[in-house]
Amino acid sequence: MKNEIDTFEAASSDAPNEETTRRRFLKGVGVAGLCAAGARGMTGRASAEWSPPVLDNYGTIIDMVEDAGADPDGNEPIGPQLREYADDDTLLVFPPGRYRMNRQFRFSGFENFGIYGMWNVTIVPDNYYDFDDGGDWNYRLFRLGVSYAPGKDLLFKNIFVDQTASDTGIRVLDAAVSDGLHVQNVNVQGRHDSGTWGPLRTVITDPDGSGVVRGFRAPDGGDWTEDTPGDRLWRGPTGIICNSYNKGTITFKDCELGGFPDNGLYAANGSGKIIVDGGFYKNSQTASVRVGGRNSIVKNAKIVVDESSGRGNQHAIRVENSNYVRVVNCDVEVSDPNGDAIKTMNVGLFRLEDSTVRTAGDEVVHGLRIQDKTEMARIKRSTFVHETPGGFSVFIEDGPNPVYVEDTAFTGAGGHESARAAIRCDRDDCQFRNLDVEQTGSWRRRAIEIHGNECLLYEGRYVGRMTPLLNYGDDTWVESVYAESVDDDEAVRLYENGSGVYLKKNTLVNGIDDRGCDGLRLYDNSY
C-alpha cells in the first residue's frame, strides 16, 4: 500500500538584440544612469540583475519625462504619454517622481514591452469618483494583455502606488501574457478602500509559458464592499488573483498581502502550475493562500490569521482543484481562529512536509482538515502545536485512498470542548509512523482516535491526559509504540464496534480498556 502514493507522484533565446540602429537611448539620464538605477533598484539596495541586459533587450528605450513629456510632479495625468509611446520592443522608463493616473492604460497583443521605474517612482491614482472608468467599470491602472490578445515578454518593475488617500484603491496591474511575465518590486501603500478590483491579476495563457511575480506587496489589505463607494463586488477585492485563464507556470516569490475580504492570493481554478515561494500572507477571508492547478507548491512562506473578521471561513491555506499540491517548509499560524488552518478539498495528492502549524485562541479549530474529496495525502517531518479549547490538529475525513503521517510531532495544551484528540482518522488503510504525540492540556484530551479500518500505528510515542489511543475501527494494527495517560487511565481503549485489533510489542502503561473488541490479538506487550 505504501507504494500507492509513490506511484502517483512518479506519474506525476540568449542572443543579443542586433537592431541597434533603431535603439533610442535615454536623453536626460543616459546609458550609465539607467544601468546605475537598475543596479540600485527602487530601494537603493545593491543588485546587478537589471543593468546592461535591460538595454540589450529593447530596441527602443523611452525616458517618459525627457522624451515623452510626462509630468513627474503629479499634476497632469500620464495616460496620453503611455498611449503614444507604448510599442513592441519598447521599454518605458520613469525617472524619480510622482505620476498621476486618472484612467486605465490598455495595451494588448504586444511583444517585448516593459514599464520600469528607476527609483522613487510613485503612481498616484485619482479617487473613485474622479477616475474615468470609460463607462465600463475599467478601474485599473495598467491592463497589459487580455486573454484573447495576450502580450509576450512583459517587464513591470520598481513601481510604488500611493493609495493612502481615501477611495483610491484600484487594480494596479492586470496582465495576460503568453510567456515571459516578469513583475518585480511593486509596492502598494494604503488600504484598498474603493470597492474595485483587487491590486493584481496575472495569468499565463500558454501551457508552455511561464512568469514570475517577485516582491509584490499590498500589506494594508482591503475593505469589504459594503463599506466602499464601488460596492459591486461580492465581498470585496482579492489581493492577487490568478484565475481560470492561467494555463502556464507562474511563480509568486516573496510577496506580501494583508487582509483582503475575498482571499489573499487566489490561484485555484487554472490548469497551470502555481509556485508560491516565500512571502507573508495575513488575515484574508476564505484563505490567505488559496492554491490549485497542476503540480503546484507552496514553500518557504509564512501564513497567519491573527485577526478574525468574524464572518467565517478564514483559513490560512486552502488547496483545491488540483492533481497534486505540496506545502513545504511553511510556518502556518492561526491565533484568532475562524476556520481550519489548512483545508484540503478536491486534490489528487496533498503533501505537507517540514512545516509548522500552530493553532491557538478561544475558539475550537482544526489544524489540518483533509476532506473526503482529497484522494490521498502524506504528512512528513512536521510539527503541530494546538492551544485552543478543542479541535483536531489533523482531521482525516473518510475518503477513497489512504493518508500517511510520518515523523511528525503534536504538542500543545489543547482542550476537550469538542474534537478532543490531536488526530482523528475516519479513513481506511491510513498509516501513522514514528509520531510523537503529547496532549495533556485538559482532562479528556486524547492523542489519537481511529475510526477507519485496517489502519497502522507503527513506532512512536502517544501521551494524553485521558487514554491516549482510542479505537473504533476494524483490523487496526498497533506495533512498537509507547502509550501513557498522565492521569493513570489505560493506555488503549477498544470499543465494541471495532474488531480484529492486533497489539504487538507495545509499552501500554496501565494496560488496555477493552469494551468488547471481538477478535483482539496480543503479542509481547508490556504494561
Protein backbone atom coordinates (compact mmCIF):
# COMPACT_ATOMS: atom_id res chain seq x y z
CA MET A 1 0.00 0.00 0.00
CA LYS A 2 2.80 2.41 0.73
CA ASN A 3 3.82 2.41 -2.93
CA GLU A 4 0.43 3.85 -3.92
CA ILE A 5 1.43 7.46 -3.24
CA ASP A 6 4.92 6.97 -4.67
CA THR A 7 3.42 5.60 -7.89
CA PHE A 8 1.07 8.58 -8.10
CA GLU A 9 3.93 11.06 -7.74
CA ALA A 10 6.12 9.34 -10.32
CA ALA A 11 3.26 9.73 -12.83
CA SER A 12 3.05 12.97 -11.73
CA SER A 13 16.68 32.72 -26.66
CA ASP A 14 20.01 34.36 -25.31
CA ALA A 15 21.26 36.06 -28.44
CA PRO A 16 21.76 39.86 -28.15
CA ASN A 17 19.39 42.24 -29.94
CA GLU A 18 21.03 43.22 -33.23
CA GLU A 19 18.65 46.07 -34.10
CA THR A 20 20.94 48.67 -32.61
CA THR A 21 20.34 51.06 -35.49
CA ARG A 22 16.84 51.86 -34.20
CA ARG A 23 17.66 51.86 -30.48
CA ARG A 24 16.98 55.20 -28.84
CA PHE A 25 18.87 55.78 -25.62
CA LEU A 26 17.72 57.97 -22.77
CA LYS A 27 18.39 61.66 -23.30
CA GLY A 28 18.45 63.01 -19.78
CA VAL A 29 19.76 60.03 -17.83
CA GLY A 30 21.98 58.24 -20.31
CA VAL A 31 23.04 54.64 -20.52
CA ALA A 32 25.27 54.79 -17.47
CA GLY A 33 22.49 56.35 -15.43
CA LEU A 34 19.98 53.66 -16.34
CA CYS A 35 22.49 50.93 -15.56
CA ALA A 36 23.20 52.51 -12.19
CA ALA A 37 19.50 52.81 -11.48
CA GLY A 38 18.97 49.18 -12.36
CA ALA A 39 21.80 48.20 -10.03
CA ARG A 40 20.38 50.24 -7.18
CA GLY A 41 16.75 49.32 -7.67
CA MET A 42 13.90 51.23 -6.14
CA THR A 43 15.04 50.94 -2.55
CA GLY A 44 18.72 51.62 -3.08
CA ARG A 45 19.80 48.06 -2.31
CA ALA A 46 22.57 46.63 -4.44
CA SER A 47 21.51 44.32 -7.26
CA ALA A 48 23.06 43.70 -10.64
CA GLU A 49 20.01 41.95 -12.01
CA TRP A 50 18.91 44.74 -14.34
CA SER A 51 21.99 46.53 -15.57
CA PRO A 52 23.20 46.14 -19.20
CA PRO A 53 20.76 43.32 -20.10
CA VAL A 54 17.83 45.77 -19.82
CA LEU A 55 19.31 47.91 -22.58
CA ASP A 56 20.21 44.93 -24.69
CA ASN A 57 16.69 43.53 -24.58
CA TYR A 58 14.86 46.52 -26.08
CA GLY A 59 15.16 48.22 -29.44
CA THR A 60 13.59 51.44 -28.15
CA ILE A 61 14.01 52.99 -24.71
CA ILE A 62 11.90 56.00 -23.80
CA ASP A 63 12.56 58.39 -20.93
CA MET A 64 8.96 59.18 -20.03
CA VAL A 65 9.87 62.67 -18.80
CA GLU A 66 12.61 63.84 -21.17
CA ASP A 67 11.43 62.01 -24.29
CA ALA A 68 7.68 61.69 -23.75
CA GLY A 69 6.89 64.75 -21.65
CA ALA A 70 5.19 63.02 -18.72
CA ASP A 71 4.69 65.20 -15.64
CA PRO A 72 6.85 63.91 -12.73
CA ASP A 73 5.15 66.27 -10.26
CA GLY A 74 1.77 64.51 -10.29
CA ASN A 75 -0.29 67.35 -11.73
CA GLU A 76 -1.11 66.12 -15.24
CA PRO A 77 -2.15 62.52 -15.97
CA ILE A 78 0.38 60.37 -17.84
CA GLY A 79 -2.17 58.41 -19.88
CA PRO A 80 -1.56 60.33 -23.15
CA GLN A 81 2.19 59.65 -23.00
CA LEU A 82 1.66 55.96 -22.24
CA ARG A 83 -0.69 55.56 -25.17
CA GLU A 84 1.59 57.41 -27.56
CA TYR A 85 4.85 55.65 -26.80
CA ALA A 86 3.82 52.08 -25.95
CA ASP A 87 5.03 49.76 -28.68
CA ASP A 88 6.61 46.40 -29.30
CA ASP A 89 10.26 46.01 -28.32
CA THR A 90 9.98 49.15 -26.17
CA LEU A 91 10.91 49.96 -22.58
CA LEU A 92 9.21 52.93 -20.94
CA VAL A 93 11.46 54.24 -18.17
CA PHE A 94 10.17 56.52 -15.43
CA PRO A 95 12.69 58.74 -13.64
CA PRO A 96 12.05 59.60 -9.98
CA GLY A 97 8.77 61.38 -9.40
CA ARG A 98 5.06 61.16 -8.67
CA TYR A 99 2.89 60.33 -11.67
CA ARG A 100 -0.86 60.83 -11.77
CA MET A 101 -3.23 58.38 -13.46
CA ASN A 102 -6.93 59.04 -13.95
CA ARG A 103 -7.90 56.29 -16.39
CA GLN A 104 -6.88 52.78 -17.46
CA PHE A 105 -3.94 52.32 -19.83
CA ARG A 106 -4.53 49.27 -22.02
CA PHE A 107 -2.02 47.66 -24.38
CA SER A 108 -2.64 44.17 -25.80
CA GLY A 109 -1.04 41.77 -28.26
CA PHE A 110 2.42 43.22 -27.69
CA GLU A 111 5.83 41.58 -27.84
CA ASN A 112 8.67 42.61 -25.56
CA PHE A 113 7.29 45.58 -23.68
CA GLY A 114 8.30 46.99 -20.33
CA ILE A 115 7.50 49.63 -17.73
CA TYR A 116 10.45 50.37 -15.48
CA GLY A 117 10.83 52.71 -12.53
CA MET A 118 14.39 53.84 -11.91
CA TRP A 119 13.89 54.60 -8.20
CA ASN A 120 11.42 56.56 -6.09
CA VAL A 121 8.78 56.23 -8.79
CA THR A 122 5.23 56.58 -7.43
CA ILE A 123 1.95 56.23 -9.30
CA VAL A 124 -0.90 58.19 -7.72
CA PRO A 125 -4.40 57.22 -8.91
CA ASP A 126 -7.34 59.59 -8.83
CA ASN A 127 -10.05 58.68 -6.35
CA TYR A 128 -13.02 56.51 -7.27
CA TYR A 129 -15.27 59.46 -8.14
CA ASP A 130 -12.77 61.22 -10.40
CA PHE A 131 -11.25 58.16 -12.07
CA ASP A 132 -12.52 57.77 -15.66
CA ASP A 133 -13.71 54.16 -15.96
CA GLY A 134 -14.70 54.59 -19.61
CA GLY A 135 -18.28 53.73 -18.74
CA ASP A 136 -17.42 50.05 -18.40
CA TRP A 137 -16.08 49.84 -14.83
CA ASN A 138 -12.46 49.75 -16.01
CA TYR A 139 -10.93 50.57 -12.65
CA ARG A 140 -7.39 49.52 -13.46
CA LEU A 141 -4.15 51.43 -13.89
CA PHE A 142 -2.36 49.09 -16.31
CA ARG A 143 -4.13 46.43 -18.38
CA LEU A 144 -1.39 44.71 -20.34
CA GLY A 145 -2.70 41.88 -22.49
CA VAL A 146 -6.09 40.21 -22.44
CA SER A 147 -6.99 36.53 -22.75
CA TYR A 148 -7.81 36.74 -26.47
CA ALA A 149 -4.86 39.03 -27.27
CA PRO A 150 -2.15 38.34 -24.68
CA GLY A 151 1.18 40.01 -24.63
CA LYS A 152 4.52 38.24 -24.68
CA ASP A 153 7.60 39.19 -22.64
CA LEU A 154 6.41 41.82 -20.18
CA LEU A 155 8.54 43.64 -17.63
CA PHE A 156 6.83 45.67 -14.90
CA LYS A 157 9.29 46.69 -12.24
CA ASN A 158 10.09 49.16 -9.45
CA ILE A 159 6.75 50.91 -9.02
CA PHE A 160 5.23 52.34 -5.85
CA VAL A 161 1.49 53.01 -5.87
CA ASP A 162 0.21 55.56 -3.36
CA GLN A 163 -3.36 54.68 -2.36
CA THR A 164 -3.26 56.35 1.04
CA ALA A 165 -5.83 58.98 0.06
CA SER A 166 -9.48 57.99 0.61
CA ASP A 167 -11.24 55.93 -2.07
CA THR A 168 -8.16 55.45 -4.25
CA GLY A 169 -7.91 51.64 -4.06
CA ILE A 170 -7.62 50.31 -7.60
CA ARG A 171 -6.15 47.37 -9.54
CA VAL A 172 -2.54 48.25 -10.24
CA LEU A 173 -1.83 45.66 -12.93
CA ASP A 174 -3.96 43.25 -14.94
CA ALA A 175 -1.62 41.20 -17.11
CA ALA A 176 -2.40 38.34 -19.52
CA VAL A 177 0.85 37.11 -21.06
CA SER A 178 1.57 34.01 -23.12
CA ASP A 179 5.14 33.76 -21.85
CA GLY A 180 7.83 35.86 -20.23
CA LEU A 181 5.97 37.68 -17.45
CA HIS A 182 8.23 39.50 -15.01
CA VAL A 183 6.67 41.65 -12.28
CA GLN A 184 9.04 42.82 -9.55
CA ASN A 185 9.20 45.30 -6.68
CA VAL A 186 5.66 46.66 -6.84
CA ASN A 187 4.57 48.21 -3.57
CA VAL A 188 1.00 49.28 -2.89
CA GLN A 189 0.75 51.67 0.03
CA GLY A 190 -2.65 52.27 1.58
CA ARG A 191 -5.81 50.26 2.07
CA HIS A 192 -7.80 49.12 -0.96
CA ASP A 193 -10.89 51.07 0.01
CA SER A 194 -12.83 51.93 -3.16
CA GLY A 195 -14.61 48.61 -3.81
CA THR A 196 -12.91 48.00 -7.18
CA TRP A 197 -10.89 45.02 -8.43
CA GLY A 198 -8.01 43.99 -6.15
CA PRO A 199 -4.40 45.11 -6.72
CA LEU A 200 -3.08 42.42 -9.10
CA ARG A 201 -4.27 39.89 -11.66
CA THR A 202 -1.78 37.84 -13.67
CA VAL A 203 -2.26 34.83 -15.96
CA ILE A 204 -0.04 32.89 -18.34
CA THR A 205 -2.20 31.92 -21.32
CA ASP A 206 0.16 29.40 -22.98
CA PRO A 207 0.56 25.99 -21.28
CA ASP A 208 4.28 26.12 -22.13
CA GLY A 209 4.68 29.69 -20.91
CA SER A 210 5.96 30.91 -17.56
CA GLY A 211 6.26 34.02 -15.47
CA VAL A 212 7.28 35.36 -12.08
CA VAL A 213 5.79 37.89 -9.69
CA ARG A 214 8.52 38.84 -7.23
CA GLY A 215 8.08 41.17 -4.30
CA PHE A 216 4.54 42.36 -4.97
CA ARG A 217 3.37 43.93 -1.71
CA ALA A 218 -0.04 45.14 -0.59
CA PRO A 219 0.28 44.82 3.19
CA ASP A 220 -2.61 47.13 4.12
CA GLY A 221 -5.33 44.86 2.72
CA GLY A 222 -8.78 45.95 1.58
CA ASP A 223 -12.26 46.93 2.73
CA TRP A 224 -15.48 44.94 2.48
CA THR A 225 -17.53 46.06 -0.49
CA GLU A 226 -20.45 47.40 1.52
CA ASP A 227 -18.07 49.86 3.17
CA THR A 228 -16.84 51.27 -0.15
CA PRO A 229 -18.17 53.60 -2.86
CA GLY A 230 -17.82 50.87 -5.52
CA ASP A 231 -19.94 48.26 -3.75
CA ARG A 232 -20.20 45.98 -6.81
CA LEU A 233 -18.04 43.04 -5.80
CA TRP A 234 -19.39 40.03 -3.90
CA ARG A 235 -17.44 40.63 -0.71
CA GLY A 236 -14.60 42.86 -1.76
CA PRO A 237 -11.24 42.72 -3.53
CA THR A 238 -8.79 39.81 -3.71
CA GLY A 239 -5.15 40.68 -3.13
CA ILE A 240 -3.65 38.73 -6.04
CA ILE A 241 -5.77 36.72 -8.44
CA CYS A 242 -4.55 34.13 -10.93
CA ASN A 243 -7.80 32.68 -12.21
CA SER A 244 -9.11 30.08 -14.67
CA TYR A 245 -7.36 31.69 -17.66
CA ASN A 246 -3.98 30.66 -16.27
CA LYS A 247 -2.58 27.71 -18.21
CA GLY A 248 1.18 28.09 -17.74
CA THR A 249 3.60 28.16 -14.81
CA ILE A 250 3.61 31.22 -12.60
CA THR A 251 5.75 31.83 -9.52
CA PHE A 252 4.81 34.20 -6.72
CA LYS A 253 8.10 34.91 -4.97
CA ASP A 254 8.41 36.81 -1.67
CA CYS A 255 5.08 38.61 -1.96
CA GLU A 256 3.19 40.20 0.92
CA LEU A 257 -0.54 40.63 1.38
CA GLY A 258 -2.58 41.98 4.26
CA GLY A 259 -6.22 41.11 4.94
CA PHE A 260 -8.50 41.12 1.88
CA PRO A 261 -12.24 40.34 2.00
CA ASP A 262 -12.18 37.81 -0.86
CA ASN A 263 -8.96 35.77 -0.48
CA GLY A 264 -5.38 36.96 -0.29
CA LEU A 265 -3.58 35.06 -3.05
CA TYR A 266 -6.22 33.26 -5.13
CA ALA A 267 -4.71 30.86 -7.67
CA ALA A 268 -7.06 27.91 -7.57
CA ASN A 269 -9.03 27.41 -10.79
CA GLY A 270 -6.50 27.46 -13.61
CA SER A 271 -4.91 24.43 -15.26
CA GLY A 272 -1.36 25.79 -14.95
CA LYS A 273 1.26 25.23 -12.27
CA ILE A 274 1.38 27.59 -9.28
CA ILE A 275 4.55 28.10 -7.25
CA VAL A 276 4.32 30.17 -4.07
CA ASP A 277 7.86 30.66 -2.80
CA GLY A 278 8.39 32.68 0.36
CA GLY A 279 6.36 35.68 1.35
CA PHE A 280 3.97 36.72 4.11
CA TYR A 281 0.19 36.37 3.81
CA LYS A 282 -2.15 37.51 6.55
CA ASN A 283 -5.81 37.66 7.62
CA SER A 284 -7.66 37.35 4.32
CA GLN A 285 -11.14 35.90 4.05
CA THR A 286 -11.75 32.33 2.82
CA ALA A 287 -7.98 31.84 2.62
CA SER A 288 -4.85 33.94 2.78
CA VAL A 289 -3.30 31.50 0.29
CA ARG A 290 -5.68 29.54 -1.94
CA VAL A 291 -3.97 27.31 -4.50
CA GLY A 292 -4.89 24.74 -7.12
CA GLY A 293 -3.57 23.98 -10.59
CA ARG A 294 -1.19 21.33 -11.87
CA ASN A 295 1.66 20.01 -9.67
CA SER A 296 1.60 23.15 -7.55
CA ILE A 297 3.65 24.00 -4.47
CA VAL A 298 3.61 26.43 -1.55
CA LYS A 299 7.03 26.65 0.10
CA ASN A 300 9.05 28.80 2.49
CA ALA A 301 6.07 31.04 3.27
CA LYS A 302 4.54 32.39 6.47
CA ILE A 303 0.74 32.46 6.56
CA VAL A 304 -1.03 33.99 9.56
CA VAL A 305 -4.56 34.52 10.83
CA ASP A 306 -4.31 36.60 13.98
CA GLU A 307 -7.30 38.91 13.48
CA SER A 308 -10.64 37.26 12.84
CA SER A 309 -13.15 39.04 10.63
CA GLY A 310 -15.97 37.30 12.47
CA ARG A 311 -17.55 36.34 9.13
CA GLY A 312 -16.44 32.69 8.93
CA ASN A 313 -14.16 30.64 6.66
CA GLN A 314 -10.86 32.38 7.31
CA HIS A 315 -8.36 29.63 6.54
CA ALA A 316 -4.64 30.25 6.34
CA ILE A 317 -4.22 27.84 3.38
CA ARG A 318 -6.86 26.22 1.21
CA VAL A 319 -5.95 23.82 -1.62
CA GLU A 320 -8.37 22.59 -4.28
CA ASN A 321 -8.90 21.76 -7.97
CA SER A 322 -5.53 20.09 -8.38
CA ASN A 323 -3.95 16.78 -9.14
CA TYR A 324 -1.07 17.44 -6.71
CA VAL A 325 -0.25 20.19 -4.19
CA ARG A 326 2.71 20.32 -1.81
CA VAL A 327 3.13 22.60 1.20
CA VAL A 328 6.80 22.58 2.19
CA ASN A 329 8.77 24.43 4.88
CA CYS A 330 5.92 26.77 5.73
CA ASP A 331 5.01 28.44 9.02
CA VAL A 332 1.23 28.47 9.44
CA GLU A 333 -0.25 30.25 12.44
CA VAL A 334 -3.89 30.72 13.43
CA SER A 335 -4.19 32.55 16.74
CA ASP A 336 -7.63 34.14 16.30
CA PRO A 337 -9.42 31.22 14.68
CA ASN A 338 -12.19 31.50 12.15
CA GLY A 339 -11.66 28.38 10.04
CA ASP A 340 -9.22 25.49 9.73
CA ALA A 341 -5.57 26.46 9.48
CA ILE A 342 -5.15 24.27 6.37
CA LYS A 343 -8.08 22.86 4.43
CA THR A 344 -7.72 20.43 1.52
CA MET A 345 -10.59 19.84 -0.90
CA ASN A 346 -10.68 18.11 -4.31
CA VAL A 347 -6.99 17.23 -4.67
CA GLY A 348 -5.47 14.05 -6.07
CA LEU A 349 -2.49 14.07 -3.69
CA PHE A 350 -1.74 16.58 -0.95
CA ARG A 351 1.60 16.67 0.85
CA LEU A 352 2.63 18.63 3.94
CA GLU A 353 6.34 18.48 4.72
CA ASP A 354 8.83 20.16 7.06
CA SER A 355 6.23 22.68 8.22
CA THR A 356 4.83 24.03 11.47
CA VAL A 357 1.11 24.51 12.06
CA ARG A 358 0.16 26.48 15.19
CA THR A 359 -3.44 26.86 16.33
CA ALA A 360 -4.38 28.99 19.35
CA GLY A 361 -7.14 31.23 20.64
CA ASP A 362 -10.55 30.99 22.27
CA GLU A 363 -12.46 29.02 19.60
CA VAL A 364 -12.42 25.36 18.59
CA VAL A 365 -10.45 24.95 15.36
CA HIS A 366 -8.66 22.23 13.40
CA GLY A 367 -5.05 22.45 12.28
CA LEU A 368 -5.21 20.40 9.04
CA ARG A 369 -8.54 19.17 7.71
CA ILE A 370 -8.27 16.60 4.92
CA GLN A 371 -11.70 16.46 3.35
CA ASP A 372 -13.34 13.44 1.78
CA LYS A 373 -12.62 14.63 -1.80
CA THR A 374 -8.88 14.65 -1.15
CA GLU A 375 -7.88 11.34 -2.68
CA MET A 376 -4.55 10.83 -0.90
CA ALA A 377 -2.33 12.74 1.50
CA ARG A 378 1.06 12.45 3.17
CA ILE A 379 2.32 14.43 6.17
CA LYS A 380 6.04 14.22 6.95
CA ARG A 381 8.53 15.82 9.34
CA SER A 382 6.14 18.49 10.56
CA THR A 383 5.03 19.93 13.90
CA PHE A 384 1.52 20.74 15.10
CA VAL A 385 1.09 22.96 18.16
CA HIS A 386 -2.51 23.16 19.38
CA GLU A 387 -3.62 25.65 22.06
CA THR A 388 -7.38 26.06 21.54
CA PRO A 389 -10.31 24.79 23.71
CA GLY A 390 -10.73 21.87 21.34
CA GLY A 391 -10.20 20.65 17.81
CA PHE A 392 -8.04 18.16 15.96
CA SER A 393 -4.56 19.02 14.83
CA VAL A 394 -5.14 16.59 11.96
CA PHE A 395 -8.67 15.61 10.92
CA ILE A 396 -8.76 12.91 8.23
CA GLU A 397 -12.23 12.56 6.80
CA ASP A 398 -13.41 9.37 5.13
CA GLY A 399 -12.15 9.16 1.56
CA PRO A 400 -11.10 6.87 -1.27
CA ASN A 401 -7.37 6.35 -0.55
CA PRO A 402 -5.05 6.35 2.46
CA VAL A 403 -3.32 9.15 4.34
CA TYR A 404 0.19 8.60 5.73
CA VAL A 405 1.53 10.62 8.67
CA GLU A 406 5.23 10.12 9.43
CA ASP A 407 7.95 11.56 11.68
CA THR A 408 5.67 14.30 12.98
CA ALA A 409 5.17 15.87 16.41
CA PHE A 410 1.94 17.01 18.10
CA THR A 411 2.17 19.24 21.18
CA GLY A 412 0.26 21.98 22.99
CA ALA A 413 -2.27 22.42 25.77
CA GLY A 414 -5.38 21.85 23.69
CA GLY A 415 -8.71 21.31 25.39
CA HIS A 416 -11.61 18.87 25.19
CA GLU A 417 -14.54 21.20 24.48
CA SER A 418 -15.11 19.21 21.28
CA ALA A 419 -12.87 17.28 18.89
CA ARG A 420 -10.74 16.03 21.77
CA ALA A 421 -7.77 14.33 20.11
CA ALA A 422 -4.67 15.51 18.29
CA ILE A 423 -5.53 13.17 15.39
CA ARG A 424 -8.86 11.82 14.21
CA CYS A 425 -8.84 9.31 11.36
CA ASP A 426 -12.11 8.33 9.66
CA ARG A 427 -10.41 6.80 6.61
CA ASP A 428 -9.39 3.20 5.90
CA ASP A 429 -5.80 1.97 5.38
CA CYS A 430 -4.10 5.01 6.91
CA GLN A 431 -0.64 4.74 8.46
CA PHE A 432 0.91 6.61 11.38
CA ARG A 433 4.65 6.03 11.71
CA ASN A 434 7.04 7.36 14.33
CA LEU A 435 4.81 10.08 15.74
CA ASP A 436 5.46 11.98 18.96
CA VAL A 437 2.07 12.99 20.36
CA GLU A 438 1.66 14.68 23.72
CA GLN A 439 -1.81 16.05 24.60
CA THR A 440 -2.06 16.93 28.29
CA GLY A 441 -3.92 20.24 28.25
CA SER A 442 -7.23 19.13 29.74
CA TRP A 443 -8.58 16.01 31.43
CA ARG A 444 -10.33 14.48 28.39
CA ARG A 445 -7.65 15.26 25.83
CA ARG A 446 -6.50 12.22 23.80
CA ALA A 447 -3.68 11.53 21.36
CA ILE A 448 -5.44 9.70 18.51
CA GLU A 449 -8.84 8.31 17.57
CA ILE A 450 -9.05 5.62 14.89
CA HIS A 451 -12.46 5.27 13.21
CA GLY A 452 -11.29 3.84 9.87
CA ASN A 453 -10.50 0.20 9.17
CA GLU A 454 -7.14 -1.55 8.63
CA CYS A 455 -5.06 1.36 9.93
CA LEU A 456 -1.48 1.03 11.18
CA LEU A 457 0.27 2.70 14.11
CA TYR A 458 3.97 1.81 13.99
CA GLU A 459 6.54 3.09 16.50
CA GLY A 460 6.18 6.45 18.18
CA ARG A 461 5.02 7.91 21.47
CA TYR A 462 1.40 8.71 22.42
CA VAL A 463 0.72 10.56 25.68
CA GLY A 464 -2.62 12.05 26.74
CA ARG A 465 -4.30 13.29 29.88
CA MET A 466 -7.01 10.71 29.23
CA THR A 467 -6.49 7.37 27.48
CA PRO A 468 -4.29 8.37 24.53
CA LEU A 469 -5.31 5.66 21.98
CA LEU A 470 -9.00 5.14 21.17
CA ASN A 471 -10.04 2.62 18.54
CA TYR A 472 -13.42 2.22 16.83
CA GLY A 473 -12.22 0.55 13.61
CA ASP A 474 -11.70 -3.00 12.41
CA ASP A 475 -8.31 -4.68 11.98
CA THR A 476 -6.24 -1.87 13.48
CA TRP A 477 -2.56 -2.86 13.88
CA VAL A 478 -0.52 -1.16 16.65
CA GLU A 479 3.16 -2.12 16.93
CA SER A 480 6.19 -0.85 18.86
CA VAL A 481 4.53 2.23 20.33
CA TYR A 482 4.70 3.77 23.80
CA ALA A 483 1.32 4.92 25.15
CA GLU A 484 0.54 6.51 28.50
CA SER A 485 -2.18 8.52 30.23
CA VAL A 486 -0.75 11.06 32.68
CA ASP A 487 -3.97 10.74 34.71
CA ASP A 488 -3.32 6.99 35.08
CA ASP A 489 -6.09 5.84 32.74
CA GLU A 490 -5.44 2.85 30.50
CA ALA A 491 -3.16 3.37 27.51
CA VAL A 492 -5.62 1.96 24.94
CA ARG A 493 -9.41 1.87 24.79
CA LEU A 494 -11.05 -0.59 22.37
CA TYR A 495 -14.74 -0.13 21.54
CA GLU A 496 -17.10 -2.96 20.68
CA ASN A 497 -17.77 -1.73 17.14
CA GLY A 498 -14.12 -2.38 16.32
CA SER A 499 -12.86 -5.92 15.76
CA GLY A 500 -9.69 -7.77 14.82
CA VAL A 501 -7.32 -5.37 16.61
CA TYR A 502 -3.68 -6.54 16.86
CA LEU A 503 -1.41 -5.06 19.57
CA LYS A 504 2.23 -6.15 19.17
CA LYS A 505 5.39 -5.29 21.12
CA ASN A 506 3.99 -2.11 22.66
CA THR A 507 4.52 -0.45 26.02
CA LEU A 508 0.99 0.25 27.25
CA VAL A 509 1.17 1.94 30.64
CA ASN A 510 -1.79 0.81 32.82
CA GLY A 511 -2.88 -1.65 30.19
CA ILE A 512 -5.96 -1.93 27.96
CA ASP A 513 -9.57 -0.85 28.43
CA ASP A 514 -11.35 -3.50 26.34
CA ARG A 515 -15.04 -2.62 25.92
CA GLY A 516 -15.98 -5.55 23.71
CA CYS A 517 -13.47 -5.74 20.87
CA ASP A 518 -14.09 -9.00 19.05
CA GLY A 519 -11.03 -10.96 17.90
CA LEU A 520 -8.43 -8.99 19.87
CA ARG A 521 -4.88 -10.34 19.41
CA LEU A 522 -1.99 -9.54 21.74
CA TYR A 523 1.72 -10.31 21.34
CA ASP A 524 4.66 -9.40 23.57
CA ASN A 525 3.26 -6.17 25.03
CA SER A 526 4.38 -4.68 28.32
CA TYR A 527 2.15 -2.91 30.79
